[in-house]
């Protein structure tokens, strides 16, 4: 966001910030389980291939505007999930043996 503020002069500009990849819920869950030190985890889903009503299985935002300002993403979706999981685990004091 700081990049956008520094590179625009309009009083209001709407820009999407994100990566150019996507990640599915199974990969997210697997990354979180891995970071939690869990193994042999099974995942169960309801709602079919679209999840629940209104669920969006894949979403890619247009980064055209922010890229035109010279911005490039540096972290992929899987990397972001892993970093967020690590931060939350540290913040909550979670341990595999005792949970939170």
PDB file of N, CA and C in Angstrom:
ATOM      1  N   UNK A   1       0.823  -1.181   0.000  1.00  0.00           N
ATOM      2  CA  UNK A   1       0.000   0.000   0.000  1.00  0.00           C
ATOM      3  C   UNK A   1       0.869   1.248   0.000  1.00  0.00           C
ATOM      4  N   UNK A   2       1.992   1.190   0.703  1.00  0.00           N
ATOM      5  CA  UNK A   2       2.877   2.349   0.726  1.00  0.00           C
ATOM      6  C   UNK A   2       3.415   2.646  -0.669  1.00  0.00           C
ATOM      7  N   UNK A   3       3.674   1.593  -1.440  1.00  0.00           N
ATOM      8  CA  UNK A   3       4.122   1.780  -2.819  1.00  0.00           C
ATOM      9  C   UNK A   3       3.071   2.545  -3.605  1.00  0.00           C
ATOM     10  N   UNK A   4       1.815   2.154  -3.466  1.00  0.00           N
ATOM     11  CA  UNK A   4       0.723   2.806  -4.198  1.00  0.00           C
ATOM     12  C   UNK A   4       0.610   4.272  -3.815  1.00  0.00           C
ATOM     13  N   UNK A   5       0.704   4.573  -2.540  1.00  0.00           N
ATOM     14  CA  UNK A   5       0.620   5.966  -2.081  1.00  0.00           C
ATOM     15  C   UNK A   5       1.770   6.779  -2.658  1.00  0.00           C
ATOM     16  N   UNK A   6       2.956   6.201  -2.671  1.00  0.00           N
ATOM     17  CA  UNK A   6       4.134   6.916  -3.158  1.00  0.00           C
ATOM     18  C   UNK A   6       4.138   7.109  -4.667  1.00  0.00           C
ATOM     19  N   UNK A   7       3.372   6.305  -5.393  1.00  0.00           N
ATOM     20  CA  UNK A   7       3.425   6.350  -6.851  1.00  0.00           C
ATOM     21  C   UNK A   7       2.146   6.847  -7.514  1.00  0.00           C
ATOM     22  N   UNK A   8       1.232   7.386  -6.754  1.00  0.00           N
ATOM     23  CA  UNK A   8       0.016   7.971  -7.327  1.00  0.00           C
ATOM     24  C   UNK A   8      -0.166   9.372  -6.769  1.00  0.00           C
ATOM     25  N   UNK A   9      -0.821  10.216  -7.550  1.00  0.00           N
ATOM     26  CA  UNK A   9      -1.050  11.587  -7.089  1.00  0.00           C
ATOM     27  C   UNK A   9      -2.529  11.910  -6.946  1.00  0.00           C
ATOM     28  N   UNK A  10      -3.390  11.061  -7.442  1.00  0.00           N
ATOM     29  CA  UNK A  10      -4.832  11.307  -7.348  1.00  0.00           C
ATOM     30  C   UNK A  10      -5.270  11.221  -5.884  1.00  0.00           C
ATOM     31  N   UNK A  11      -6.300  11.995  -5.507  1.00  0.00           N
ATOM     32  CA  UNK A  11      -6.772  11.927  -4.124  1.00  0.00           C
ATOM     33  C   UNK A  11      -7.355  10.555  -3.766  1.00  0.00           C
ATOM     34  N   UNK A  12      -7.837   9.828  -4.764  1.00  0.00           N
ATOM     35  CA  UNK A  12      -8.359   8.483  -4.535  1.00  0.00           C
ATOM     36  C   UNK A  12      -8.044   7.628  -5.749  1.00  0.00           C
ATOM     37  N   UNK A  13      -7.462   6.486  -5.515  1.00  0.00           N
ATOM     38  CA  UNK A  13      -7.186   5.526  -6.577  1.00  0.00           C
ATOM     39  C   UNK A  13      -7.477   4.133  -6.043  1.00  0.00           C
ATOM     40  N   UNK A  14      -8.200   3.355  -6.809  1.00  0.00           N
ATOM     41  CA  UNK A  14      -8.520   1.981  -6.417  1.00  0.00           C
ATOM     42  C   UNK A  14      -7.571   1.040  -7.156  1.00  0.00           C
ATOM     43  N   UNK A  15      -6.755   0.327  -6.396  1.00  0.00           N
ATOM     44  CA  UNK A  15      -5.785  -0.600  -6.970  1.00  0.00           C
ATOM     45  C   UNK A  15      -5.911  -1.957  -6.296  1.00  0.00           C
ATOM     46  N   UNK A  16      -5.833  -3.008  -7.077  1.00  0.00           N
ATOM     47  CA  UNK A  16      -5.760  -4.356  -6.520  1.00  0.00           C
ATOM     48  C   UNK A  16      -4.307  -4.659  -6.194  1.00  0.00           C
ATOM     49  N   UNK A  17      -4.082  -5.284  -5.056  1.00  0.00           N
ATOM     50  CA  UNK A  17      -2.745  -5.715  -4.667  1.00  0.00           C
ATOM     51  C   UNK A  17      -2.821  -7.218  -4.448  1.00  0.00           C
ATOM     52  N   UNK A  18      -1.973  -7.952  -5.117  1.00  0.00           N
ATOM     53  CA  UNK A  18      -2.010  -9.400  -4.977  1.00  0.00           C
ATOM     54  C   UNK A  18      -0.912 -10.034  -5.797  1.00  0.00           C
ATOM     55  N   UNK A  19      -1.010 -11.326  -5.960  1.00  0.00           N
ATOM     56  CA  UNK A  19      -0.045 -12.052  -6.777  1.00  0.00           C
ATOM     57  C   UNK A  19      -0.745 -12.512  -8.050  1.00  0.00           C
ATOM     58  N   UNK A  20       0.022 -13.083  -8.936  1.00  0.00           N
ATOM     59  CA  UNK A  20      -0.547 -13.536 -10.203  1.00  0.00           C
ATOM     60  C   UNK A  20      -0.792 -15.043 -10.199  1.00  0.00           C
ATOM     61  N   UNK A  21      -0.793 -15.624  -9.020  1.00  0.00           N
ATOM     62  CA  UNK A  21      -1.084 -17.045  -8.913  1.00  0.00           C
ATOM     63  C   UNK A  21      -2.344 -17.236  -8.082  1.00  0.00           C
ATOM     64  N   UNK A  22      -2.749 -18.472  -7.930  1.00  0.00           N
ATOM     65  CA  UNK A  22      -3.908 -18.783  -7.097  1.00  0.00           C
ATOM     66  C   UNK A  22      -3.570 -20.014  -6.280  1.00  0.00           C
ATOM     67  N   UNK A  23      -4.376 -20.240  -5.252  1.00  0.00           N
ATOM     68  CA  UNK A  23      -4.133 -21.369  -4.364  1.00  0.00           C
ATOM     69  C   UNK A  23      -5.476 -21.972  -3.983  1.00  0.00           C
ATOM     70  N   UNK A  24      -5.544 -23.289  -3.934  1.00  0.00           N
ATOM     71  CA  UNK A  24      -6.812 -23.931  -3.573  1.00  0.00           C
ATOM     72  C   UNK A  24      -6.847 -24.227  -2.073  1.00  0.00           C
ATOM     73  N   UNK A  25      -8.027 -24.522  -1.575  1.00  0.00           N
ATOM     74  CA  UNK A  25      -8.224 -24.700  -0.139  1.00  0.00           C
ATOM     75  C   UNK A  25      -7.451 -25.905   0.402  1.00  0.00           C
ATOM     76  N   UNK A  26      -7.274 -26.942  -0.399  1.00  0.00           N
ATOM     77  CA  UNK A  26      -6.517 -28.106   0.065  1.00  0.00           C
ATOM     78  C   UNK A  26      -5.056 -27.741   0.287  1.00  0.00           C
ATOM     79  N   UNK A  27      -4.498 -26.955  -0.609  1.00  0.00           N
ATOM     80  CA  UNK A  27      -3.111 -26.522  -0.450  1.00  0.00           C
ATOM     81  C   UNK A  27      -2.967 -25.630   0.775  1.00  0.00           C
ATOM     82  N   UNK A  28      -3.916 -24.726   0.977  1.00  0.00           N
ATOM     83  CA  UNK A  28      -3.887 -23.867   2.167  1.00  0.00           C
ATOM     84  C   UNK A  28      -3.907 -24.728   3.427  1.00  0.00           C
ATOM     85  N   UNK A  29      -4.848 -25.663   3.489  1.00  0.00           N
ATOM     86  CA  UNK A  29      -4.968 -26.527   4.667  1.00  0.00           C
ATOM     87  C   UNK A  29      -3.709 -27.363   4.872  1.00  0.00           C
ATOM     88  N   UNK A  30      -3.130 -27.863   3.794  1.00  0.00           N
ATOM     89  CA  UNK A  30      -1.912 -28.674   3.893  1.00  0.00           C
ATOM     90  C   UNK A  30      -0.737 -27.858   4.419  1.00  0.00           C
ATOM     91  N   UNK A  31      -0.607 -26.633   3.946  1.00  0.00           N
ATOM     92  CA  UNK A  31       0.470 -25.754   4.413  1.00  0.00           C
ATOM     93  C   UNK A  31       0.301 -25.464   5.905  1.00  0.00           C
ATOM     94  N   UNK A  32      -0.924 -25.141   6.317  1.00  0.00           N
ATOM     95  CA  UNK A  32      -1.182 -24.835   7.727  1.00  0.00           C
ATOM     96  C   UNK A  32      -0.894 -26.063   8.595  1.00  0.00           C
ATOM     97  N   UNK A  33      -1.359 -27.231   8.156  1.00  0.00           N
ATOM     98  CA  UNK A  33      -1.100 -28.460   8.913  1.00  0.00           C
ATOM     99  C   UNK A  33       0.398 -28.716   9.028  1.00  0.00           C
ATOM    100  N   UNK A  34       1.130 -28.517   7.944  1.00  0.00           N
ATOM    101  CA  UNK A  34       2.576 -28.702   7.947  1.00  0.00           C
ATOM    102  C   UNK A  34       3.240 -27.757   8.938  1.00  0.00           C
ATOM    103  N   UNK A  35       2.857 -26.499   8.914  1.00  0.00           N
ATOM    104  CA  UNK A  35       3.437 -25.519   9.833  1.00  0.00           C
ATOM    105  C   UNK A  35       3.091 -25.829  11.286  1.00  0.00           C
ATOM    106  N   UNK A  36       1.954 -26.478  11.504  1.00  0.00           N
ATOM    107  CA  UNK A  36       1.546 -26.865  12.857  1.00  0.00           C
ATOM    108  C   UNK A  36       2.235 -28.148  13.310  1.00  0.00           C
ATOM    109  N   UNK A  37       2.993 -28.765  12.396  1.00  0.00           N
ATOM    110  CA  UNK A  37       3.690 -29.995  12.733  1.00  0.00           C
ATOM    111  C   UNK A  37       2.797 -31.220  12.710  1.00  0.00           C
ATOM    112  N   UNK A  38       1.670 -31.124  12.024  1.00  0.00           N
ATOM    113  CA  UNK A  38       0.728 -32.234  11.959  1.00  0.00           C
ATOM    114  C   UNK A  38       1.038 -33.110  10.749  1.00  0.00           C
ATOM    115  N   UNK A  39       0.812 -34.403  10.892  1.00  0.00           N
ATOM    116  CA  UNK A  39       1.010 -35.310   9.762  1.00  0.00           C
ATOM    117  C   UNK A  39      -0.195 -36.228   9.647  1.00  0.00           C
ATOM    118  N   UNK A  40      -0.316 -36.865   8.511  1.00  0.00           N
ATOM    119  CA  UNK A  40      -1.441 -37.774   8.245  1.00  0.00           C
ATOM    120  C   UNK A  40      -2.787 -37.104   8.487  1.00  0.00           C
ATOM    121  N   UNK A  41      -2.895 -35.857   8.074  1.00  0.00           N
ATOM    122  CA  UNK A  41      -4.145 -35.106   8.233  1.00  0.00           C
ATOM    123  C   UNK A  41      -5.040 -35.405   7.042  1.00  0.00           C
ATOM    124  N   UNK A  42      -6.307 -35.661   7.296  1.00  0.00           N
ATOM    125  CA  UNK A  42      -7.250 -35.854   6.192  1.00  0.00           C
ATOM    126  C   UNK A  42      -8.227 -34.684   6.194  1.00  0.00           C
ATOM    127  N   UNK A  43      -8.628 -34.295   5.018  1.00  0.00           N
ATOM    128  CA  UNK A  43      -9.541 -33.172   4.849  1.00  0.00           C
ATOM    129  C   UNK A  43     -10.859 -33.687   4.293  1.00  0.00           C
ATOM    130  N   UNK A  44     -11.951 -33.177   4.804  1.00  0.00           N
ATOM    131  CA  UNK A  44     -13.286 -33.568   4.359  1.00  0.00           C
ATOM    132  C   UNK A  44     -14.030 -32.316   3.923  1.00  0.00           C
ATOM    133  N   UNK A  45     -14.684 -32.383   2.775  1.00  0.00           N
ATOM    134  CA  UNK A  45     -15.347 -31.220   2.190  1.00  0.00           C
ATOM    135  C   UNK A  45     -16.836 -31.484   2.010  1.00  0.00           C
ATOM    136  N   UNK A  46     -17.600 -30.433   2.093  1.00  0.00           N
ATOM    137  CA  UNK A  46     -19.026 -30.501   1.776  1.00  0.00           C
ATOM    138  C   UNK A  46     -19.316 -29.455   0.718  1.00  0.00           C
ATOM    139  N   UNK A  47     -20.397 -29.605   0.015  1.00  0.00           N
ATOM    140  CA  UNK A  47     -20.791 -28.582  -0.945  1.00  0.00           C
ATOM    141  C   UNK A  47     -20.357 -28.829  -2.368  1.00  0.00           C
ATOM    142  N   UNK A  48     -19.723 -29.937  -2.655  1.00  0.00           N
ATOM    143  CA  UNK A  48     -19.330 -30.241  -4.032  1.00  0.00           C
ATOM    144  C   UNK A  48     -18.121 -29.457  -4.480  1.00  0.00           C
ATOM    145  N   UNK A  49     -17.955 -29.342  -5.807  1.00  0.00           N
ATOM    146  CA  UNK A  49     -16.758 -28.703  -6.352  1.00  0.00           C
ATOM    147  C   UNK A  49     -16.749 -27.195  -6.177  1.00  0.00           C
ATOM    148  N   UNK A  50     -17.886 -26.598  -5.835  1.00  0.00           N
ATOM    149  CA  UNK A  50     -17.933 -25.148  -5.655  1.00  0.00           C
ATOM    150  C   UNK A  50     -17.986 -24.762  -4.184  1.00  0.00           C
ATOM    151  N   UNK A  51     -17.871 -25.719  -3.305  1.00  0.00           N
ATOM    152  CA  UNK A  51     -17.918 -25.374  -1.887  1.00  0.00           C
ATOM    153  C   UNK A  51     -19.325 -25.014  -1.466  1.00  0.00           C
ATOM    154  N   UNK A  52     -19.508 -23.850  -0.962  1.00  0.00           N
ATOM    155  CA  UNK A  52     -20.820 -23.398  -0.512  1.00  0.00           C
ATOM    156  C   UNK A  52     -21.399 -22.416  -1.522  1.00  0.00           C
ATOM    157  N   UNK A  53     -22.662 -22.064  -1.372  1.00  0.00           N
ATOM    158  CA  UNK A  53     -23.312 -21.114  -2.271  1.00  0.00           C
ATOM    159  C   UNK A  53     -22.541 -19.798  -2.221  1.00  0.00           C
ATOM    160  N   UNK A  54     -22.148 -19.318  -3.374  1.00  0.00           N
ATOM    161  CA  UNK A  54     -21.397 -18.068  -3.451  1.00  0.00           C
ATOM    162  C   UNK A  54     -19.894 -18.243  -3.389  1.00  0.00           C
ATOM    163  N   UNK A  55     -19.419 -19.459  -3.145  1.00  0.00           N
ATOM    164  CA  UNK A  55     -17.983 -19.710  -3.083  1.00  0.00           C
ATOM    165  C   UNK A  55     -17.367 -19.492  -4.462  1.00  0.00           C
ATOM    166  N   UNK A  56     -16.158 -18.984  -4.471  1.00  0.00           N
ATOM    167  CA  UNK A  56     -15.427 -18.766  -5.715  1.00  0.00           C
ATOM    168  C   UNK A  56     -14.206 -19.674  -5.677  1.00  0.00           C
ATOM    169  N   UNK A  57     -14.181 -20.744  -6.506  1.00  0.00           N
ATOM    170  CA  UNK A  57     -13.075 -21.693  -6.428  1.00  0.00           C
ATOM    171  C   UNK A  57     -11.718 -21.100  -6.804  1.00  0.00           C
ATOM    172  N   UNK A  58     -11.703 -20.160  -7.709  1.00  0.00           N
ATOM    173  CA  UNK A  58     -10.456 -19.490  -8.104  1.00  0.00           C
ATOM    174  C   UNK A  58     -10.752 -18.025  -8.353  1.00  0.00           C
ATOM    175  N   UNK A  59      -9.850 -17.185  -7.893  1.00  0.00           N
ATOM    176  CA  UNK A  59     -10.052 -15.758  -8.111  1.00  0.00           C
ATOM    177  C   UNK A  59      -8.706 -15.112  -8.400  1.00  0.00           C
ATOM    178  N   UNK A  60      -8.630 -14.401  -9.476  1.00  0.00           N
ATOM    179  CA  UNK A  60      -7.444 -13.633  -9.813  1.00  0.00           C
ATOM    180  C   UNK A  60      -7.870 -12.194 -10.055  1.00  0.00           C
ATOM    181  N   UNK A  61      -7.318 -11.289  -9.276  1.00  0.00           N
ATOM    182  CA  UNK A  61      -7.617  -9.877  -9.460  1.00  0.00           C
ATOM    183  C   UNK A  61      -6.715  -9.308 -10.547  1.00  0.00           C
ATOM    184  N   UNK A  62      -7.208  -8.315 -11.255  1.00  0.00           N
ATOM    185  CA  UNK A  62      -6.385  -7.647 -12.253  1.00  0.00           C
ATOM    186  C   UNK A  62      -5.370  -6.750 -11.549  1.00  0.00           C
ATOM    187  N   UNK A  63      -4.107  -6.950 -11.869  1.00  0.00           N
ATOM    188  CA  UNK A  63      -3.040  -6.131 -11.302  1.00  0.00           C
ATOM    189  C   UNK A  63      -2.526  -5.110 -12.306  1.00  0.00           C
ATOM    190  N   UNK A  64      -3.257  -4.945 -13.396  1.00  0.00           N
ATOM    191  CA  UNK A  64      -2.813  -4.082 -14.488  1.00  0.00           C
ATOM    192  C   UNK A  64      -2.494  -2.661 -14.020  1.00  0.00           C
ATOM    193  N   UNK A  65      -3.381  -2.071 -13.217  1.00  0.00           N
ATOM    194  CA  UNK A  65      -3.166  -0.681 -12.789  1.00  0.00           C
ATOM    195  C   UNK A  65      -1.911  -0.524 -11.931  1.00  0.00           C
ATOM    196  N   UNK A  66      -1.772  -1.376 -10.934  1.00  0.00           N
ATOM    197  CA  UNK A  66      -0.619  -1.222 -10.041  1.00  0.00           C
ATOM    198  C   UNK A  66       0.680  -1.621 -10.742  1.00  0.00           C
ATOM    199  N   UNK A  67       0.605  -2.589 -11.645  1.00  0.00           N
ATOM    200  CA  UNK A  67       1.804  -2.963 -12.409  1.00  0.00           C
ATOM    201  C   UNK A  67       2.242  -1.817 -13.317  1.00  0.00           C
ATOM    202  N   UNK A  68       1.283  -1.036 -13.808  1.00  0.00           N
ATOM    203  CA  UNK A  68       1.634   0.105 -14.663  1.00  0.00           C
ATOM    204  C   UNK A  68       2.422   1.164 -13.889  1.00  0.00           C
ATOM    205  N   UNK A  69       2.352   1.118 -12.565  1.00  0.00           N
ATOM    206  CA  UNK A  69       3.117   2.038 -11.720  1.00  0.00           C
ATOM    207  C   UNK A  69       4.507   1.489 -11.398  1.00  0.00           C
ATOM    208  N   UNK A  70       4.782   0.254 -11.832  1.00  0.00           N
ATOM    209  CA  UNK A  70       6.081  -0.357 -11.596  1.00  0.00           C
ATOM    210  C   UNK A  70       6.098  -1.381 -10.472  1.00  0.00           C
ATOM    211  N   UNK A  71       4.946  -1.647  -9.860  1.00  0.00           N
ATOM    212  CA  UNK A  71       4.884  -2.594  -8.743  1.00  0.00           C
ATOM    213  C   UNK A  71       4.928  -4.027  -9.251  1.00  0.00           C
ATOM    214  N   UNK A  72       5.636  -4.892  -8.522  1.00  0.00           N
ATOM    215  CA  UNK A  72       5.673  -6.319  -8.809  1.00  0.00           C
ATOM    216  C   UNK A  72       5.539  -7.067  -7.485  1.00  0.00           C
ATOM    217  N   UNK A  73       4.795  -8.143  -7.488  1.00  0.00           N
ATOM    218  CA  UNK A  73       4.680  -8.925  -6.256  1.00  0.00           C
ATOM    219  C   UNK A  73       5.964  -9.704  -6.030  1.00  0.00           C
ATOM    220  N   UNK A  74       6.264  -9.973  -4.772  1.00  0.00           N
ATOM    221  CA  UNK A  74       7.491 -10.682  -4.422  1.00  0.00           C
ATOM    222  C   UNK A  74       7.224 -12.019  -3.747  1.00  0.00           C
ATOM    223  N   UNK A  75       6.022 -12.220  -3.250  1.00  0.00           N
ATOM    224  CA  UNK A  75       5.701 -13.423  -2.493  1.00  0.00           C
ATOM    225  C   UNK A  75       4.511 -14.114  -3.158  1.00  0.00           C
ATOM    226  N   UNK A  76       4.612 -15.403  -3.379  1.00  0.00           N
ATOM    227  CA  UNK A  76       3.520 -16.160  -3.990  1.00  0.00           C
ATOM    228  C   UNK A  76       2.427 -16.441  -2.956  1.00  0.00           C
ATOM    229  N   UNK A  77       1.287 -16.888  -3.427  1.00  0.00           N
ATOM    230  CA  UNK A  77       0.193 -17.234  -2.516  1.00  0.00           C
ATOM    231  C   UNK A  77       0.604 -18.319  -1.517  1.00  0.00           C
ATOM    232  N   UNK A  78       1.221 -19.425  -1.955  1.00  0.00           N
ATOM    233  CA  UNK A  78       1.651 -20.427  -0.975  1.00  0.00           C
ATOM    234  C   UNK A  78       2.650 -19.872   0.050  1.00  0.00           C
ATOM    235  N   UNK A  79       3.574 -19.032  -0.392  1.00  0.00           N
ATOM    236  CA  UNK A  79       4.525 -18.425   0.540  1.00  0.00           C
ATOM    237  C   UNK A  79       3.795 -17.537   1.551  1.00  0.00           C
ATOM    238  N   UNK A  80       2.812 -16.780   1.078  1.00  0.00           N
ATOM    239  CA  UNK A  80       2.046 -15.901   1.967  1.00  0.00           C
ATOM    240  C   UNK A  80       1.294 -16.699   3.021  1.00  0.00           C
ATOM    241  N   UNK A  81       0.675 -17.801   2.608  1.00  0.00           N
ATOM    242  CA  UNK A  81      -0.056 -18.646   3.554  1.00  0.00           C
ATOM    243  C   UNK A  81       0.909 -19.209   4.593  1.00  0.00           C
ATOM    244  N   UNK A  82       2.063 -19.680   4.145  1.00  0.00           N
ATOM    245  CA  UNK A  82       3.049 -20.252   5.071  1.00  0.00           C
ATOM    246  C   UNK A  82       3.530 -19.198   6.072  1.00  0.00           C
ATOM    247  N   UNK A  83       3.837 -17.995   5.596  1.00  0.00           N
ATOM    248  CA  UNK A  83       4.290 -16.927   6.488  1.00  0.00           C
ATOM    249  C   UNK A  83       3.198 -16.540   7.484  1.00  0.00           C
ATOM    250  N   UNK A  84       1.957 -16.458   7.019  1.00  0.00           N
ATOM    251  CA  UNK A  84       0.844 -16.110   7.910  1.00  0.00           C
ATOM    252  C   UNK A  84       0.634 -17.199   8.959  1.00  0.00           C
ATOM    253  N   UNK A  85       0.706 -18.461   8.542  1.00  0.00           N
ATOM    254  CA  UNK A  85       0.539 -19.570   9.488  1.00  0.00           C
ATOM    255  C   UNK A  85       1.633 -19.536  10.549  1.00  0.00           C
ATOM    256  N   UNK A  86       2.873 -19.322  10.129  1.00  0.00           N
ATOM    257  CA  UNK A  86       3.981 -19.251  11.091  1.00  0.00           C
ATOM    258  C   UNK A  86       3.766 -18.118  12.090  1.00  0.00           C
ATOM    259  N   UNK A  87       3.369 -16.960  11.582  1.00  0.00           N
ATOM    260  CA  UNK A  87       3.151 -15.805  12.461  1.00  0.00           C
ATOM    261  C   UNK A  87       2.037 -16.079  13.465  1.00  0.00           C
ATOM    262  N   UNK A  88       0.946 -16.681  13.006  1.00  0.00           N
ATOM    263  CA  UNK A  88      -0.172 -16.981  13.905  1.00  0.00           C
ATOM    264  C   UNK A  88       0.201 -18.039  14.940  1.00  0.00           C
ATOM    265  N   UNK A  89       0.974 -19.023  14.529  1.00  0.00           N
ATOM    266  CA  UNK A  89       1.420 -20.058  15.461  1.00  0.00           C
ATOM    267  C   UNK A  89       2.291 -19.434  16.555  1.00  0.00           C
ATOM    268  N   UNK A  90       3.204 -18.558  16.164  1.00  0.00           N
ATOM    269  CA  UNK A  90       4.043 -17.875  17.151  1.00  0.00           C
ATOM    270  C   UNK A  90       3.213 -16.977  18.061  1.00  0.00           C
ATOM    271  N   UNK A  91       2.282 -16.240  17.461  1.00  0.00           N
ATOM    272  CA  UNK A  91       1.457 -15.300  18.220  1.00  0.00           C
ATOM    273  C   UNK A  91       0.572 -16.006  19.243  1.00  0.00           C
ATOM    274  N   UNK A  92       0.033 -17.154  18.877  1.00  0.00           N
ATOM    275  CA  UNK A  92      -0.893 -17.856  19.770  1.00  0.00           C
ATOM    276  C   UNK A  92      -0.186 -18.805  20.731  1.00  0.00           C
ATOM    277  N   UNK A  93       1.093 -19.059  20.496  1.00  0.00           N
ATOM    278  CA  UNK A  93       1.821 -19.981  21.354  1.00  0.00           C
ATOM    279  C   UNK A  93       1.426 -21.428  21.135  1.00  0.00           C
ATOM    280  N   UNK A  94       0.891 -21.735  19.957  1.00  0.00           N
ATOM    281  CA  UNK A  94       0.457 -23.100  19.638  1.00  0.00           C
ATOM    282  C   UNK A  94       1.637 -24.056  19.698  1.00  0.00           C
ATOM    283  N   UNK A  95       1.394 -25.231  20.244  1.00  0.00           N
ATOM    284  CA  UNK A  95       2.362 -26.319  20.130  1.00  0.00           C
ATOM    285  C   UNK A  95       1.581 -27.581  19.792  1.00  0.00           C
ATOM    286  N   UNK A  96       2.165 -28.433  18.989  1.00  0.00           N
ATOM    287  CA  UNK A  96       1.471 -29.653  18.546  1.00  0.00           C
ATOM    288  C   UNK A  96       1.049 -30.510  19.736  1.00  0.00           C
ATOM    289  N   UNK A  97       1.859 -30.530  20.746  1.00  0.00           N
ATOM    290  CA  UNK A  97       1.560 -31.385  21.901  1.00  0.00           C
ATOM    291  C   UNK A  97       0.369 -30.883  22.705  1.00  0.00           C
ATOM    292  N   UNK A  98       0.300 -29.580  22.904  1.00  0.00           N
ATOM    293  CA  UNK A  98      -0.746 -29.073  23.790  1.00  0.00           C
ATOM    294  C   UNK A  98      -1.777 -28.205  23.127  1.00  0.00           C
ATOM    295  N   UNK A  99      -1.695 -28.050  21.815  1.00  0.00           N
ATOM    296  CA  UNK A  99      -2.626 -27.138  21.148  1.00  0.00           C
ATOM    297  C   UNK A  99      -2.324 -25.713  21.555  1.00  0.00           C
ATOM    298  N   UNK A 100      -3.332 -24.876  21.521  1.00  0.00           N
ATOM    299  CA  UNK A 100      -3.133 -23.462  21.854  1.00  0.00           C
ATOM    300  C   UNK A 100      -3.011 -23.273  23.348  1.00  0.00           C
TER     301      UNK A 100
END
